[in-house]
Amino acid sequence: LLVSPSPSMDHMIVIARLVVQLDGQLPRGLQVVPDV
């Protein structure tokens, strides 16, 4: 079992914006999922 420190605010902002950019481009039947 490995543990990571909590991500920084900038890290989470980038992830959120990647989700927004990707979600609008994926065809039906696909999902973009953060942090699972």
Full PDB file with SEQRES, HELIX, SHEET, SSBOND, CRYST1, ORIGX, SCALE, CONECT and MASTER records, all heavy atoms in Angstrom:
SEQRES   1 A   36  LEU LEU VAL SER PRO SER PRO SER MET ASP HIS MET ILE          
SEQRES   2 A   36  VAL ILE ALA ARG LEU VAL VAL GLN LEU ASP GLY GLN LEU          
SEQRES   3 A   36  PRO ARG GLY LEU GLN VAL VAL PRO ASP VAL                      
HELIX    1 AA1 MET A    9  ASP A   23  1                                  15    
CRYST1    1.000    1.000    1.000  90.00  90.00  90.00 P 1           1          
ORIGX1      1.000000  0.000000  0.000000        0.00000                         
ORIGX2      0.000000  1.000000  0.000000        0.00000                         
ORIGX3      0.000000  0.000000  1.000000        0.00000                         
SCALE1      1.000000  0.000000  0.000000        0.00000                         
SCALE2      0.000000  1.000000  0.000000        0.00000                         
SCALE3      0.000000  0.000000  1.000000        0.00000                         
ATOM      1  N   LEU A   1       0.839  -1.183   0.000  1.00  0.00           N  
ATOM      2  CA  LEU A   1       0.000   0.000   0.000  1.00  0.00           C  
ATOM      3  C   LEU A   1       0.879   1.239   0.000  1.00  0.00           C  
ATOM      4  O   LEU A   1       1.784   1.382   0.819  1.00  0.00           O  
ATOM      5  CB  LEU A   1      -0.892  -0.020   1.240  1.00  0.00           C  
ATOM      6  CG  LEU A   1      -2.206   0.750   1.201  1.00  0.00           C  
ATOM      7  CD1 LEU A   1      -3.087   0.293   0.053  1.00  0.00           C  
ATOM      8  CD2 LEU A   1      -2.927   0.581   2.526  1.00  0.00           C  
ATOM      9  N   LEU A   2       0.634   2.158  -0.960  1.00  0.00           N  
ATOM     10  CA  LEU A   2       1.377   3.407  -1.090  1.00  0.00           C  
ATOM     11  C   LEU A   2       0.416   4.563  -0.866  1.00  0.00           C  
ATOM     12  O   LEU A   2      -0.762   4.463  -1.182  1.00  0.00           O  
ATOM     13  CB  LEU A   2       1.992   3.535  -2.485  1.00  0.00           C  
ATOM     14  CG  LEU A   2       2.823   2.359  -2.996  1.00  0.00           C  
ATOM     15  CD1 LEU A   2       3.256   2.619  -4.435  1.00  0.00           C  
ATOM     16  CD2 LEU A   2       4.028   2.128  -2.112  1.00  0.00           C  
ATOM     17  N   VAL A   3       0.938   5.663  -0.345  1.00  0.00           N  
ATOM     18  CA  VAL A   3       0.084   6.830  -0.114  1.00  0.00           C  
ATOM     19  C   VAL A   3       0.701   8.048  -0.783  1.00  0.00           C  
ATOM     20  O   VAL A   3       1.917   8.215  -0.780  1.00  0.00           O  
ATOM     21  CB  VAL A   3      -0.136   7.091   1.394  1.00  0.00           C  
ATOM     22  CG1 VAL A   3       1.156   7.436   2.108  1.00  0.00           C  
ATOM     23  CG2 VAL A   3      -1.180   8.166   1.609  1.00  0.00           C  
ATOM     24  N   SER A   4      -0.150   8.881  -1.391  1.00  0.00           N  
ATOM     25  CA  SER A   4       0.285  10.136  -2.005  1.00  0.00           C  
ATOM     26  C   SER A   4      -0.160  11.302  -1.140  1.00  0.00           C  
ATOM     27  O   SER A   4      -1.235  11.244  -0.536  1.00  0.00           O  
ATOM     28  CB  SER A   4      -0.351  10.319  -3.390  1.00  0.00           C  
ATOM     29  OG  SER A   4       0.056   9.327  -4.266  1.00  0.00           O  
ATOM     30  N   PRO A   5       0.641  12.374  -1.089  1.00  0.00           N  
ATOM     31  CA  PRO A   5       0.150  13.570  -0.401  1.00  0.00           C  
ATOM     32  C   PRO A   5      -1.043  14.149  -1.146  1.00  0.00           C  
ATOM     33  O   PRO A   5      -1.249  13.872  -2.332  1.00  0.00           O  
ATOM     34  CB  PRO A   5       1.353  14.519  -0.454  1.00  0.00           C  
ATOM     35  CG  PRO A   5       2.198  14.029  -1.575  1.00  0.00           C  
ATOM     36  CD  PRO A   5       1.972  12.550  -1.662  1.00  0.00           C  
ATOM     37  N   SER A   6      -1.832  14.944  -0.457  1.00  0.00           N  
ATOM     38  CA  SER A   6      -2.976  15.583  -1.107  1.00  0.00           C  
ATOM     39  C   SER A   6      -2.496  16.447  -2.260  1.00  0.00           C  
ATOM     40  O   SER A   6      -1.467  17.115  -2.157  1.00  0.00           O  
ATOM     41  CB  SER A   6      -3.746  16.441  -0.101  1.00  0.00           C  
ATOM     42  OG  SER A   6      -4.291  15.632   0.909  1.00  0.00           O  
ATOM     43  N   PRO A   7      -3.228  16.462  -3.365  1.00  0.00           N  
ATOM     44  CA  PRO A   7      -2.809  17.270  -4.512  1.00  0.00           C  
ATOM     45  C   PRO A   7      -2.934  18.757  -4.216  1.00  0.00           C  
ATOM     46  O   PRO A   7      -3.738  19.176  -3.388  1.00  0.00           O  
ATOM     47  CB  PRO A   7      -3.770  16.847  -5.623  1.00  0.00           C  
ATOM     48  CG  PRO A   7      -4.948  16.295  -4.915  1.00  0.00           C  
ATOM     49  CD  PRO A   7      -4.456  15.703  -3.643  1.00  0.00           C  
ATOM     50  N   SER A   8      -2.144  19.547  -4.938  1.00  0.00           N  
ATOM     51  CA  SER A   8      -2.189  21.001  -4.769  1.00  0.00           C  
ATOM     52  C   SER A   8      -3.430  21.571  -5.454  1.00  0.00           C  
ATOM     53  O   SER A   8      -4.089  20.898  -6.263  1.00  0.00           O  
ATOM     54  CB  SER A   8      -0.942  21.642  -5.391  1.00  0.00           C  
ATOM     55  OG  SER A   8      -0.984  21.506  -6.804  1.00  0.00           O  
ATOM     56  N   MET A   9      -3.738  22.824  -5.158  1.00  0.00           N  
ATOM     57  CA  MET A   9      -4.874  23.479  -5.795  1.00  0.00           C  
ATOM     58  C   MET A   9      -4.673  23.555  -7.308  1.00  0.00           C  
ATOM     59  O   MET A   9      -5.605  23.266  -8.083  1.00  0.00           O  
ATOM     60  CB  MET A   9      -5.079  24.887  -5.221  1.00  0.00           C  
ATOM     61  CG  MET A   9      -6.296  25.598  -5.796  1.00  0.00           C  
ATOM     62  SD  MET A   9      -6.573  27.238  -5.111  1.00  0.00           S  
ATOM     63  CE  MET A   9      -7.053  26.822  -3.434  1.00  0.00           C  
ATOM     64  N   ASP A  10      -3.465  23.934  -7.754  1.00  0.00           N  
ATOM     65  CA  ASP A  10      -3.208  24.012  -9.192  1.00  0.00           C  
ATOM     66  C   ASP A  10      -3.419  22.660  -9.865  1.00  0.00           C  
ATOM     67  O   ASP A  10      -3.971  22.570 -10.969  1.00  0.00           O  
ATOM     68  CB  ASP A  10      -1.784  24.513  -9.462  1.00  0.00           C  
ATOM     69  CG  ASP A  10      -1.649  26.014  -9.278  1.00  0.00           C  
ATOM     70  OD1 ASP A  10      -2.676  26.706  -9.126  1.00  0.00           O  
ATOM     71  OD2 ASP A  10      -0.500  26.503  -9.295  1.00  0.00           O  
ATOM     72  N   HIS A  11      -2.974  21.599  -9.209  1.00  0.00           N  
ATOM     73  CA  HIS A  11      -3.140  20.248  -9.739  1.00  0.00           C  
ATOM     74  C   HIS A  11      -4.625  19.957  -9.981  1.00  0.00           C  
ATOM     75  O   HIS A  11      -5.018  19.463 -11.049  1.00  0.00           O  
ATOM     76  CB  HIS A  11      -2.557  19.263  -8.726  1.00  0.00           C  
ATOM     77  CG  HIS A  11      -2.467  17.849  -9.212  1.00  0.00           C  
ATOM     78  ND1 HIS A  11      -1.289  17.295  -9.673  1.00  0.00           N  
ATOM     79  CD2 HIS A  11      -3.397  16.867  -9.295  1.00  0.00           C  
ATOM     80  CE1 HIS A  11      -1.503  16.040 -10.018  1.00  0.00           C  
ATOM     81  NE2 HIS A  11      -2.776  15.754  -9.799  1.00  0.00           N  
ATOM     82  N   MET A  12      -5.462  20.292  -9.014  1.00  0.00           N  
ATOM     83  CA  MET A  12      -6.893  20.021  -9.125  1.00  0.00           C  
ATOM     84  C   MET A  12      -7.574  20.918 -10.151  1.00  0.00           C  
ATOM     85  O   MET A  12      -8.507  20.491 -10.839  1.00  0.00           O  
ATOM     86  CB  MET A  12      -7.558  20.162  -7.757  1.00  0.00           C  
ATOM     87  CG  MET A  12      -7.063  19.159  -6.725  1.00  0.00           C  
ATOM     88  SD  MET A  12      -7.100  17.440  -7.313  1.00  0.00           S  
ATOM     89  CE  MET A  12      -8.866  17.171  -7.481  1.00  0.00           C  
ATOM     90  N   ILE A  13      -7.109  22.173 -10.274  1.00  0.00           N  
ATOM     91  CA  ILE A  13      -7.653  23.066 -11.308  1.00  0.00           C  
ATOM     92  C   ILE A  13      -7.379  22.488 -12.689  1.00  0.00           C  
ATOM     93  O   ILE A  13      -8.262  22.456 -13.561  1.00  0.00           O  
ATOM     94  CB  ILE A  13      -7.057  24.486 -11.175  1.00  0.00           C  
ATOM     95  CG1 ILE A  13      -7.597  25.174  -9.921  1.00  0.00           C  
ATOM     96  CG2 ILE A  13      -7.353  25.315 -12.427  1.00  0.00           C  
ATOM     97  CD1 ILE A  13      -6.896  26.479  -9.587  1.00  0.00           C  
ATOM     98  N   VAL A  14      -6.159  22.001 -12.899  1.00  0.00           N  
ATOM     99  CA  VAL A  14      -5.794  21.423 -14.196  1.00  0.00           C  
ATOM    100  C   VAL A  14      -6.659  20.201 -14.493  1.00  0.00           C  
ATOM    101  O   VAL A  14      -7.165  20.038 -15.620  1.00  0.00           O  
ATOM    102  CB  VAL A  14      -4.292  21.077 -14.223  1.00  0.00           C  
ATOM    103  CG1 VAL A  14      -3.961  20.198 -15.421  1.00  0.00           C  
ATOM    104  CG2 VAL A  14      -3.459  22.351 -14.262  1.00  0.00           C  
ATOM    105  N   ILE A  15      -6.853  19.345 -13.520  1.00  0.00           N  
ATOM    106  CA  ILE A  15      -7.690  18.162 -13.733  1.00  0.00           C  
ATOM    107  C   ILE A  15      -9.116  18.572 -14.099  1.00  0.00           C  
ATOM    108  O   ILE A  15      -9.706  18.030 -15.040  1.00  0.00           O  
ATOM    109  CB  ILE A  15      -7.680  17.258 -12.484  1.00  0.00           C  
ATOM    110  CG1 ILE A  15      -6.293  16.638 -12.305  1.00  0.00           C  
ATOM    111  CG2 ILE A  15      -8.743  16.168 -12.594  1.00  0.00           C  
ATOM    112  CD1 ILE A  15      -6.093  15.937 -10.976  1.00  0.00           C  
ATOM    113  N   ALA A  16      -9.670  19.539 -13.371  1.00  0.00           N  
ATOM    114  CA  ALA A  16     -11.037  19.989 -13.657  1.00  0.00           C  
ATOM    115  C   ALA A  16     -11.152  20.541 -15.075  1.00  0.00           C  
ATOM    116  O   ALA A  16     -12.127  20.267 -15.790  1.00  0.00           O  
ATOM    117  CB  ALA A  16     -11.468  21.042 -12.639  1.00  0.00           C  
ATOM    118  N   ARG A  17     -10.164  21.306 -15.507  1.00  0.00           N  
ATOM    119  CA  ARG A  17     -10.220  21.886 -16.861  1.00  0.00           C  
ATOM    120  C   ARG A  17      -9.991  20.833 -17.939  1.00  0.00           C  
ATOM    121  O   ARG A  17     -10.553  20.934 -19.040  1.00  0.00           O  
ATOM    122  CB  ARG A  17      -9.229  23.043 -16.959  1.00  0.00           C  
ATOM    123  CG  ARG A  17      -9.696  24.218 -16.102  1.00  0.00           C  
ATOM    124  CD  ARG A  17      -8.866  25.450 -16.285  1.00  0.00           C  
ATOM    125  NE  ARG A  17      -9.395  26.521 -15.437  1.00  0.00           N  
ATOM    126  CZ  ARG A  17      -8.746  27.643 -15.172  1.00  0.00           C  
ATOM    127  NH1 ARG A  17      -7.543  27.862 -15.693  1.00  0.00           N  
ATOM    128  NH2 ARG A  17      -9.300  28.556 -14.398  1.00  0.00           N  
ATOM    129  N   LEU A  18      -9.191  19.815 -17.636  1.00  0.00           N  
ATOM    130  CA  LEU A  18      -9.055  18.703 -18.580  1.00  0.00           C  
ATOM    131  C   LEU A  18     -10.388  17.977 -18.749  1.00  0.00           C  
ATOM    132  O   LEU A  18     -10.775  17.621 -19.865  1.00  0.00           O  
ATOM    133  CB  LEU A  18      -7.986  17.725 -18.094  1.00  0.00           C  
ATOM    134  CG  LEU A  18      -6.539  18.055 -18.424  1.00  0.00           C  
ATOM    135  CD1 LEU A  18      -5.590  17.135 -17.660  1.00  0.00           C  
ATOM    136  CD2 LEU A  18      -6.284  17.952 -19.934  1.00  0.00           C  
ATOM    137  N   VAL A  19     -11.079  17.764 -17.630  1.00  0.00           N  
ATOM    138  CA  VAL A  19     -12.393  17.109 -17.695  1.00  0.00           C  
ATOM    139  C   VAL A  19     -13.336  17.909 -18.588  1.00  0.00           C  
ATOM    140  O   VAL A  19     -14.013  17.352 -19.463  1.00  0.00           O  
ATOM    141  CB  VAL A  19     -13.003  16.931 -16.287  1.00  0.00           C  
ATOM    142  CG1 VAL A  19     -14.464  16.514 -16.379  1.00  0.00           C  
ATOM    143  CG2 VAL A  19     -12.210  15.910 -15.479  1.00  0.00           C  
ATOM    144  N   VAL A  20     -13.374  19.231 -18.396  1.00  0.00           N  
ATOM    145  CA  VAL A  20     -14.268  20.079 -19.190  1.00  0.00           C  
ATOM    146  C   VAL A  20     -13.909  19.997 -20.674  1.00  0.00           C  
ATOM    147  O   VAL A  20     -14.788  19.819 -21.534  1.00  0.00           O  
ATOM    148  CB  VAL A  20     -14.222  21.532 -18.687  1.00  0.00           C  
ATOM    149  CG1 VAL A  20     -14.950  22.461 -19.660  1.00  0.00           C  
ATOM    150  CG2 VAL A  20     -14.838  21.638 -17.294  1.00  0.00           C  
ATOM    151  N   GLN A  21     -12.613  20.107 -20.993  1.00  0.00           N  
ATOM    152  CA  GLN A  21     -12.210  20.066 -22.399  1.00  0.00           C  
ATOM    153  C   GLN A  21     -12.514  18.709 -23.027  1.00  0.00           C  
ATOM    154  O   GLN A  21     -12.984  18.624 -24.157  1.00  0.00           O  
ATOM    155  CB  GLN A  21     -10.717  20.390 -22.550  1.00  0.00           C  
ATOM    156  CG  GLN A  21     -10.372  21.851 -22.319  1.00  0.00           C  
ATOM    157  CD  GLN A  21      -8.963  22.195 -22.790  1.00  0.00           C  
ATOM    158  OE1 GLN A  21      -8.520  21.740 -23.846  1.00  0.00           O  
ATOM    159  NE2 GLN A  21      -8.272  23.005 -22.010  1.00  0.00           N  
ATOM    160  N   LEU A  22     -12.254  17.630 -22.290  1.00  0.00           N  
ATOM    161  CA  LEU A  22     -12.454  16.297 -22.846  1.00  0.00           C  
ATOM    162  C   LEU A  22     -13.929  15.929 -22.954  1.00  0.00           C  
ATOM    163  O   LEU A  22     -14.365  15.349 -23.958  1.00  0.00           O  
ATOM    164  CB  LEU A  22     -11.741  15.252 -21.986  1.00  0.00           C  
ATOM    165  CG  LEU A  22     -10.220  15.206 -22.133  1.00  0.00           C  
ATOM    166  CD1 LEU A  22      -9.606  14.365 -21.020  1.00  0.00           C  
ATOM    167  CD2 LEU A  22      -9.837  14.652 -23.508  1.00  0.00           C  
ATOM    168  N   ASP A  23     -14.699  16.278 -21.943  1.00  0.00           N  
ATOM    169  CA  ASP A  23     -16.094  15.845 -21.889  1.00  0.00           C  
ATOM    170  C   ASP A  23     -16.884  16.325 -23.099  1.00  0.00           C  
ATOM    171  O   ASP A  23     -17.751  15.618 -23.610  1.00  0.00           O  
ATOM    172  CB  ASP A  23     -16.739  16.323 -20.588  1.00  0.00           C  
ATOM    173  CG  ASP A  23     -18.097  15.685 -20.359  1.00  0.00           C  
ATOM    174  OD1 ASP A  23     -18.168  14.437 -20.378  1.00  0.00           O  
ATOM    175  OD2 ASP A  23     -19.086  16.417 -20.181  1.00  0.00           O  
ATOM    176  N   GLY A  24     -16.587  17.514 -23.551  1.00  0.00           N  
ATOM    177  CA  GLY A  24     -17.307  18.053 -24.703  1.00  0.00           C  
ATOM    178  C   GLY A  24     -16.919  17.420 -26.024  1.00  0.00           C  
ATOM    179  O   GLY A  24     -17.574  17.664 -27.043  1.00  0.00           O  
ATOM    180  N   GLN A  25     -15.858  16.599 -26.035  1.00  0.00           N  
ATOM    181  CA  GLN A  25     -15.380  16.016 -27.284  1.00  0.00           C  
ATOM    182  C   GLN A  25     -15.595  14.506 -27.384  1.00  0.00           C  
ATOM    183  O   GLN A  25     -15.449  13.942 -28.471  1.00  0.00           O  
ATOM    184  CB  GLN A  25     -13.875  16.298 -27.444  1.00  0.00           C  
ATOM    185  CG  GLN A  25     -13.545  17.780 -27.488  1.00  0.00           C  
ATOM    186  CD  GLN A  25     -12.055  18.016 -27.622  1.00  0.00           C  
ATOM    187  OE1 GLN A  25     -11.448  17.641 -28.628  1.00  0.00           O  
ATOM    188  NE2 GLN A  25     -11.447  18.616 -26.613  1.00  0.00           N  
ATOM    189  N   LEU A  26     -15.933  13.878 -26.275  1.00  0.00           N  
ATOM    190  CA  LEU A  26     -16.085  12.423 -26.307  1.00  0.00           C  
ATOM    191  C   LEU A  26     -17.410  12.040 -26.955  1.00  0.00           C  
ATOM    192  O   LEU A  26     -18.440  12.650 -26.689  1.00  0.00           O  
ATOM    193  CB  LEU A  26     -16.035  11.848 -24.891  1.00  0.00           C  
ATOM    194  CG  LEU A  26     -14.714  11.998 -24.136  1.00  0.00           C  
ATOM    195  CD1 LEU A  26     -14.799  11.301 -22.786  1.00  0.00           C  
ATOM    196  CD2 LEU A  26     -13.549  11.448 -24.949  1.00  0.00           C  
ATOM    197  N   PRO A  27     -17.394  11.014 -27.790  1.00  0.00           N  
ATOM    198  CA  PRO A  27     -18.647  10.561 -28.402  1.00  0.00           C  
ATOM    199  C   PRO A  27     -19.520   9.844 -27.379  1.00  0.00           C  
ATOM    200  O   PRO A  27     -19.062   9.472 -26.287  1.00  0.00           O  
ATOM    201  CB  PRO A  27     -18.166   9.590 -29.491  1.00  0.00           C  
ATOM    202  CG  PRO A  27     -16.854   9.093 -28.996  1.00  0.00           C  
ATOM    203  CD  PRO A  27     -16.230  10.240 -28.246  1.00  0.00           C  
ATOM    204  N   ARG A  28     -20.762   9.663 -27.727  1.00  0.00           N  
ATOM    205  CA  ARG A  28     -21.691   8.911 -26.879  1.00  0.00           C  
ATOM    206  C   ARG A  28     -21.091   7.526 -26.597  1.00  0.00           C  
ATOM    207  O   ARG A  28     -20.505   6.891 -27.479  1.00  0.00           O  
ATOM    208  CB  ARG A  28     -23.031   8.767 -27.591  1.00  0.00           C  
ATOM    209  CG  ARG A  28     -24.115   8.096 -26.755  1.00  0.00           C  
ATOM    210  CD  ARG A  28     -25.406   7.977 -27.561  1.00  0.00           C  
ATOM    211  NE  ARG A  28     -25.909   9.289 -27.934  1.00  0.00           N  
ATOM    212  CZ  ARG A  28     -26.680  10.055 -27.174  1.00  0.00           C  
ATOM    213  NH1 ARG A  28     -27.012   9.643 -25.960  1.00  0.00           N  
ATOM    214  NH2 ARG A  28     -27.110  11.229 -27.606  1.00  0.00           N  
ATOM    215  N   GLY A  29     -21.230   7.092 -25.352  1.00  0.00           N  
ATOM    216  CA  GLY A  29     -20.711   5.773 -24.982  1.00  0.00           C  
ATOM    217  C   GLY A  29     -19.399   5.812 -24.238  1.00  0.00           C  
ATOM    218  O   GLY A  29     -18.920   4.770 -23.784  1.00  0.00           O  
ATOM    219  N   LEU A  30     -18.801   7.020 -24.120  1.00  0.00           N  
ATOM    220  CA  LEU A  30     -17.538   7.155 -23.397  1.00  0.00           C  
ATOM    221  C   LEU A  30     -17.688   8.146 -22.253  1.00  0.00           C  
ATOM    222  O   LEU A  30     -18.492   9.076 -22.318  1.00  0.00           O  
ATOM    223  CB  LEU A  30     -16.412   7.617 -24.328  1.00  0.00           C  
ATOM    224  CG  LEU A  30     -16.021   6.671 -25.458  1.00  0.00           C  
ATOM    225  CD1 LEU A  30     -14.883   7.283 -26.271  1.00  0.00           C  
ATOM    226  CD2 LEU A  30     -15.615   5.302 -24.922  1.00  0.00           C  
ATOM    227  N   GLN A  31     -16.882   7.955 -21.222  1.00  0.00           N  
ATOM    228  CA  GLN A  31     -16.898   8.819 -20.047  1.00  0.00           C  
ATOM    229  C   GLN A  31     -15.469   9.243 -19.700  1.00  0.00           C  
ATOM    230  O   GLN A  31     -14.537   8.448 -19.844  1.00  0.00           O  
ATOM    231  CB  GLN A  31     -17.447   8.059 -18.819  1.00  0.00           C  
ATOM    232  CG  GLN A  31     -18.837   7.523 -18.962  1.00  0.00           C  
ATOM    233  CD  GLN A  31     -19.880   8.589 -18.735  1.00  0.00           C  
ATOM    234  OE1 GLN A  31     -19.601   9.624 -18.140  1.00  0.00           O  
ATOM    235  NE2 GLN A  31     -21.092   8.342 -19.195  1.00  0.00           N  
ATOM    236  N   VAL A  32     -15.329  10.481 -19.236  1.00  0.00           N  
ATOM    237  CA  VAL A  32     -14.060  10.899 -18.635  1.00  0.00           C  
ATOM    238  C   VAL A  32     -14.293  10.920 -17.128  1.00  0.00           C  
ATOM    239  O   VAL A  32     -15.255  11.520 -16.646  1.00  0.00           O  
ATOM    240  CB  VAL A  32     -13.565  12.269 -19.167  1.00  0.00           C  
ATOM    241  CG1 VAL A  32     -14.589  13.368 -18.989  1.00  0.00           C  
ATOM    242  CG2 VAL A  32     -12.246  12.653 -18.505  1.00  0.00           C  
ATOM    243  N   VAL A  33     -13.430  10.220 -16.387  1.00  0.00           N  
ATOM    244  CA  VAL A  33     -13.639  10.010 -14.954  1.00  0.00           C  
ATOM    245  C   VAL A  33     -12.375  10.412 -14.196  1.00  0.00           C  
ATOM    246  O   VAL A  33     -11.299   9.871 -14.474  1.00  0.00           O  
ATOM    247  CB  VAL A  33     -13.961   8.531 -14.655  1.00  0.00           C  
ATOM    248  CG1 VAL A  33     -14.315   8.349 -13.184  1.00  0.00           C  
ATOM    249  CG2 VAL A  33     -15.075   8.017 -15.552  1.00  0.00           C  
ATOM    250  N   PRO A  34     -12.474  11.341 -13.241  1.00  0.00           N  
ATOM    251  CA  PRO A  34     -11.295  11.711 -12.466  1.00  0.00           C  
ATOM    252  C   PRO A  34     -11.094  10.816 -11.242  1.00  0.00           C  
ATOM    253  O   PRO A  34     -12.051  10.376 -10.612  1.00  0.00           O  
ATOM    254  CB  PRO A  34     -11.608  13.153 -12.029  1.00  0.00           C  
ATOM    255  CG  PRO A  34     -13.097  13.217 -11.977  1.00  0.00           C  
ATOM    256  CD  PRO A  34     -13.609  12.244 -13.012  1.00  0.00           C  
ATOM    257  N   ASP A  35      -9.824  10.515 -10.950  1.00  0.00           N  
ATOM    258  CA  ASP A  35      -9.405  10.035  -9.639  1.00  0.00           C  
ATOM    259  C   ASP A  35     -10.130   8.784  -9.154  1.00  0.00           C  
ATOM    260  O   ASP A  35     -10.746   8.782  -8.085  1.00  0.00           O  
ATOM    261  CB  ASP A  35      -9.589  11.183  -8.631  1.00  0.00           C  
ATOM    262  CG  ASP A  35      -8.832  10.942  -7.330  1.00  0.00           C  
ATOM    263  OD1 ASP A  35      -7.753  10.349  -7.364  1.00  0.00           O  
ATOM    264  OD2 ASP A  35      -9.359  11.352  -6.280  1.00  0.00           O  
ATOM    265  N   VAL A  36     -10.085   7.688  -9.930  1.00  0.00           N  
ATOM    266  CA  VAL A  36     -10.651   6.421  -9.470  1.00  0.00           C  
ATOM    267  C   VAL A  36      -9.597   5.317  -9.590  1.00  0.00           C  
ATOM    268  O   VAL A  36      -8.682   5.386 -10.406  1.00  0.00           O  
ATOM    269  CB  VAL A  36     -11.930   6.008 -10.255  1.00  0.00           C  
ATOM    270  CG1 VAL A  36     -13.059   6.982 -10.006  1.00  0.00           C  
ATOM    271  CG2 VAL A  36     -11.645   5.873 -11.734  1.00  0.00           C  
TER     272      VAL A  36                                                      
MASTER        0    0    0    1    0    0    0    6  271    1    0    3          
END                                                                             
